[in-house]
């Protein structure tokens, strides 16, 4: 499940470090939920108790890059992580303009 938050971080992207596909998938999951709900997303559920879990290697990579804060059941995006998510969504809109 996504965590919803402010649009401010989305408007101040910084250059993120190179990320693996698994780490990018965490942002893709968050982007899907933000686009689907129309609400800013500030994090994702790490473990939902129903067998769905975020990839631990991806989460470790994002934590080391300073893009997330990891809690027991949630992964919260830092300001830079929220900016990366905003930039990703912006890039999607550039590649496939909205109607």
C-alpha atoms as a PDB file:
ATOM      1  CA  UNK A   1       0.000   0.000   0.000  1.00  0.00           C
ATOM      2  CA  UNK A   2       1.292   3.463  -0.802  1.00  0.00           C
ATOM      3  CA  UNK A   3       1.729   6.249   1.729  1.00  0.00           C
ATOM      4  CA  UNK A   4       0.415   9.623   0.523  1.00  0.00           C
ATOM      5  CA  UNK A   5       2.257  12.925   0.980  1.00  0.00           C
ATOM      6  CA  UNK A   6       3.096  16.390  -0.294  1.00  0.00           C
ATOM      7  CA  UNK A   7       3.722  17.482  -3.855  1.00  0.00           C
ATOM      8  CA  UNK A   8       6.581  19.769  -2.737  1.00  0.00           C
ATOM      9  CA  UNK A   9       9.268  17.090  -2.945  1.00  0.00           C
ATOM     10  CA  UNK A  10       8.095  16.133  -6.438  1.00  0.00           C
ATOM     11  CA  UNK A  11       8.961  19.612  -7.674  1.00  0.00           C
ATOM     12  CA  UNK A  12      12.558  19.570  -6.348  1.00  0.00           C
ATOM     13  CA  UNK A  13      14.296  16.562  -7.926  1.00  0.00           C
ATOM     14  CA  UNK A  14      17.995  15.946  -7.293  1.00  0.00           C
ATOM     15  CA  UNK A  15      20.190  13.651  -9.339  1.00  0.00           C
ATOM     16  CA  UNK A  16      19.739  10.177  -7.840  1.00  0.00           C
ATOM     17  CA  UNK A  17      22.495   7.567  -7.846  1.00  0.00           C
ATOM     18  CA  UNK A  18      22.331   4.789 -10.461  1.00  0.00           C
ATOM     19  CA  UNK A  19      19.693   2.270  -9.368  1.00  0.00           C
ATOM     20  CA  UNK A  20      19.114  -1.404 -10.164  1.00  0.00           C
ATOM     21  CA  UNK A  21      15.940  -2.555 -11.878  1.00  0.00           C
ATOM     22  CA  UNK A  22      14.733  -3.997  -8.552  1.00  0.00           C
ATOM     23  CA  UNK A  23      15.149  -0.609  -6.869  1.00  0.00           C
ATOM     24  CA  UNK A  24      13.419   1.114  -9.787  1.00  0.00           C
ATOM     25  CA  UNK A  25      10.550  -1.365  -9.426  1.00  0.00           C
ATOM     26  CA  UNK A  26       9.831   0.042  -5.951  1.00  0.00           C
ATOM     27  CA  UNK A  27       9.400   3.470  -7.548  1.00  0.00           C
ATOM     28  CA  UNK A  28       7.350   1.972 -10.404  1.00  0.00           C
ATOM     29  CA  UNK A  29       4.989   0.410  -7.843  1.00  0.00           C
ATOM     30  CA  UNK A  30       4.649   3.740  -6.037  1.00  0.00           C
ATOM     31  CA  UNK A  31       4.173   5.578  -9.352  1.00  0.00           C
ATOM     32  CA  UNK A  32       1.357   3.222 -10.309  1.00  0.00           C
ATOM     33  CA  UNK A  33      -0.459   3.923  -7.049  1.00  0.00           C
ATOM     34  CA  UNK A  34       0.077   7.667  -7.318  1.00  0.00           C
ATOM     35  CA  UNK A  35      -1.202   7.786 -10.890  1.00  0.00           C
ATOM     36  CA  UNK A  36      -4.122   5.496 -10.121  1.00  0.00           C
ATOM     37  CA  UNK A  37      -5.219   7.339  -6.966  1.00  0.00           C
ATOM     38  CA  UNK A  38      -4.301  10.884  -7.941  1.00  0.00           C
ATOM     39  CA  UNK A  39      -2.764  11.311  -4.475  1.00  0.00           C
ATOM     40  CA  UNK A  40       0.948  11.894  -3.747  1.00  0.00           C
ATOM     41  CA  UNK A  41       2.674   8.756  -2.443  1.00  0.00           C
ATOM     42  CA  UNK A  42       5.343   9.001   0.272  1.00  0.00           C
ATOM     43  CA  UNK A  43       6.123   5.318   0.717  1.00  0.00           C
ATOM     44  CA  UNK A  44       5.079   1.725   0.233  1.00  0.00           C
ATOM     45  CA  UNK A  45       4.257  -1.204   2.467  1.00  0.00           C
ATOM     46  CA  UNK A  46       7.287  -3.376   3.154  1.00  0.00           C
ATOM     47  CA  UNK A  47       5.314  -6.399   4.394  1.00  0.00           C
ATOM     48  CA  UNK A  48       1.546  -6.542   4.172  1.00  0.00           C
ATOM     49  CA  UNK A  49       0.986  -9.672   6.286  1.00  0.00           C
ATOM     50  CA  UNK A  50      -0.646 -11.431   3.335  1.00  0.00           C
ATOM     51  CA  UNK A  51       2.547 -12.687   1.744  1.00  0.00           C
ATOM     52  CA  UNK A  52       3.446  -9.607  -0.296  1.00  0.00           C
ATOM     53  CA  UNK A  53       6.885  -8.205   0.501  1.00  0.00           C
ATOM     54  CA  UNK A  54       9.137  -5.591  -1.024  1.00  0.00           C
ATOM     55  CA  UNK A  55      12.420  -6.955  -2.343  1.00  0.00           C
ATOM     56  CA  UNK A  56      14.924  -6.658   0.531  1.00  0.00           C
ATOM     57  CA  UNK A  57      17.904  -6.094  -1.786  1.00  0.00           C
ATOM     58  CA  UNK A  58      16.071  -3.220  -3.450  1.00  0.00           C
ATOM     59  CA  UNK A  59      15.103  -1.737  -0.097  1.00  0.00           C
ATOM     60  CA  UNK A  60      18.706  -1.991   1.166  1.00  0.00           C
ATOM     61  CA  UNK A  61      19.946  -0.300  -2.009  1.00  0.00           C
ATOM     62  CA  UNK A  62      17.427   2.532  -1.663  1.00  0.00           C
ATOM     63  CA  UNK A  63      18.289   2.972   2.029  1.00  0.00           C
ATOM     64  CA  UNK A  64      22.021   3.135   1.253  1.00  0.00           C
ATOM     65  CA  UNK A  65      21.295   5.749  -1.421  1.00  0.00           C
ATOM     66  CA  UNK A  66      19.389   7.842   1.133  1.00  0.00           C
ATOM     67  CA  UNK A  67      16.129   7.539  -0.800  1.00  0.00           C
ATOM     68  CA  UNK A  68      14.089   5.736   1.867  1.00  0.00           C
ATOM     69  CA  UNK A  69      13.703   5.199   5.586  1.00  0.00           C
ATOM     70  CA  UNK A  70      12.890   1.598   6.449  1.00  0.00           C
ATOM     71  CA  UNK A  71      10.444   0.684   9.187  1.00  0.00           C
ATOM     72  CA  UNK A  72       9.212  -2.766  10.238  1.00  0.00           C
ATOM     73  CA  UNK A  73       6.247  -2.795   7.847  1.00  0.00           C
ATOM     74  CA  UNK A  74       6.740   0.329   5.743  1.00  0.00           C
ATOM     75  CA  UNK A  75       9.301   1.941   3.473  1.00  0.00           C
ATOM     76  CA  UNK A  76       9.031   5.738   3.540  1.00  0.00           C
ATOM     77  CA  UNK A  77      10.586   7.899   0.832  1.00  0.00           C
ATOM     78  CA  UNK A  78      13.003  10.624   1.930  1.00  0.00           C
ATOM     79  CA  UNK A  79      12.581  14.061   0.368  1.00  0.00           C
ATOM     80  CA  UNK A  80      15.015  12.978  -2.342  1.00  0.00           C
ATOM     81  CA  UNK A  81      13.092   9.712  -2.798  1.00  0.00           C
ATOM     82  CA  UNK A  82       9.847  11.641  -3.234  1.00  0.00           C
ATOM     83  CA  UNK A  83      11.608  13.851  -5.781  1.00  0.00           C
ATOM     84  CA  UNK A  84      12.800  10.769  -7.691  1.00  0.00           C
ATOM     85  CA  UNK A  85       9.232   9.437  -7.731  1.00  0.00           C
ATOM     86  CA  UNK A  86       7.970  12.800  -8.999  1.00  0.00           C
ATOM     87  CA  UNK A  87      10.628  12.872 -11.717  1.00  0.00           C
ATOM     88  CA  UNK A  88       9.720   9.325 -12.772  1.00  0.00           C
ATOM     89  CA  UNK A  89       6.062  10.259 -13.086  1.00  0.00           C
ATOM     90  CA  UNK A  90       7.051  13.398 -14.987  1.00  0.00           C
ATOM     91  CA  UNK A  91       9.134  11.288 -17.360  1.00  0.00           C
ATOM     92  CA  UNK A  92       6.198   8.952 -17.949  1.00  0.00           C
ATOM     93  CA  UNK A  93       4.009  11.918 -18.824  1.00  0.00           C
ATOM     94  CA  UNK A  94       6.653  13.195 -21.238  1.00  0.00           C
ATOM     95  CA  UNK A  95       6.913   9.861 -23.035  1.00  0.00           C
ATOM     96  CA  UNK A  96       3.153   9.270 -23.108  1.00  0.00           C
ATOM     97  CA  UNK A  97       1.336  12.629 -22.936  1.00  0.00           C
ATOM     98  CA  UNK A  98      -1.961  12.698 -21.085  1.00  0.00           C
ATOM     99  CA  UNK A  99      -5.240  13.135 -22.906  1.00  0.00           C
END
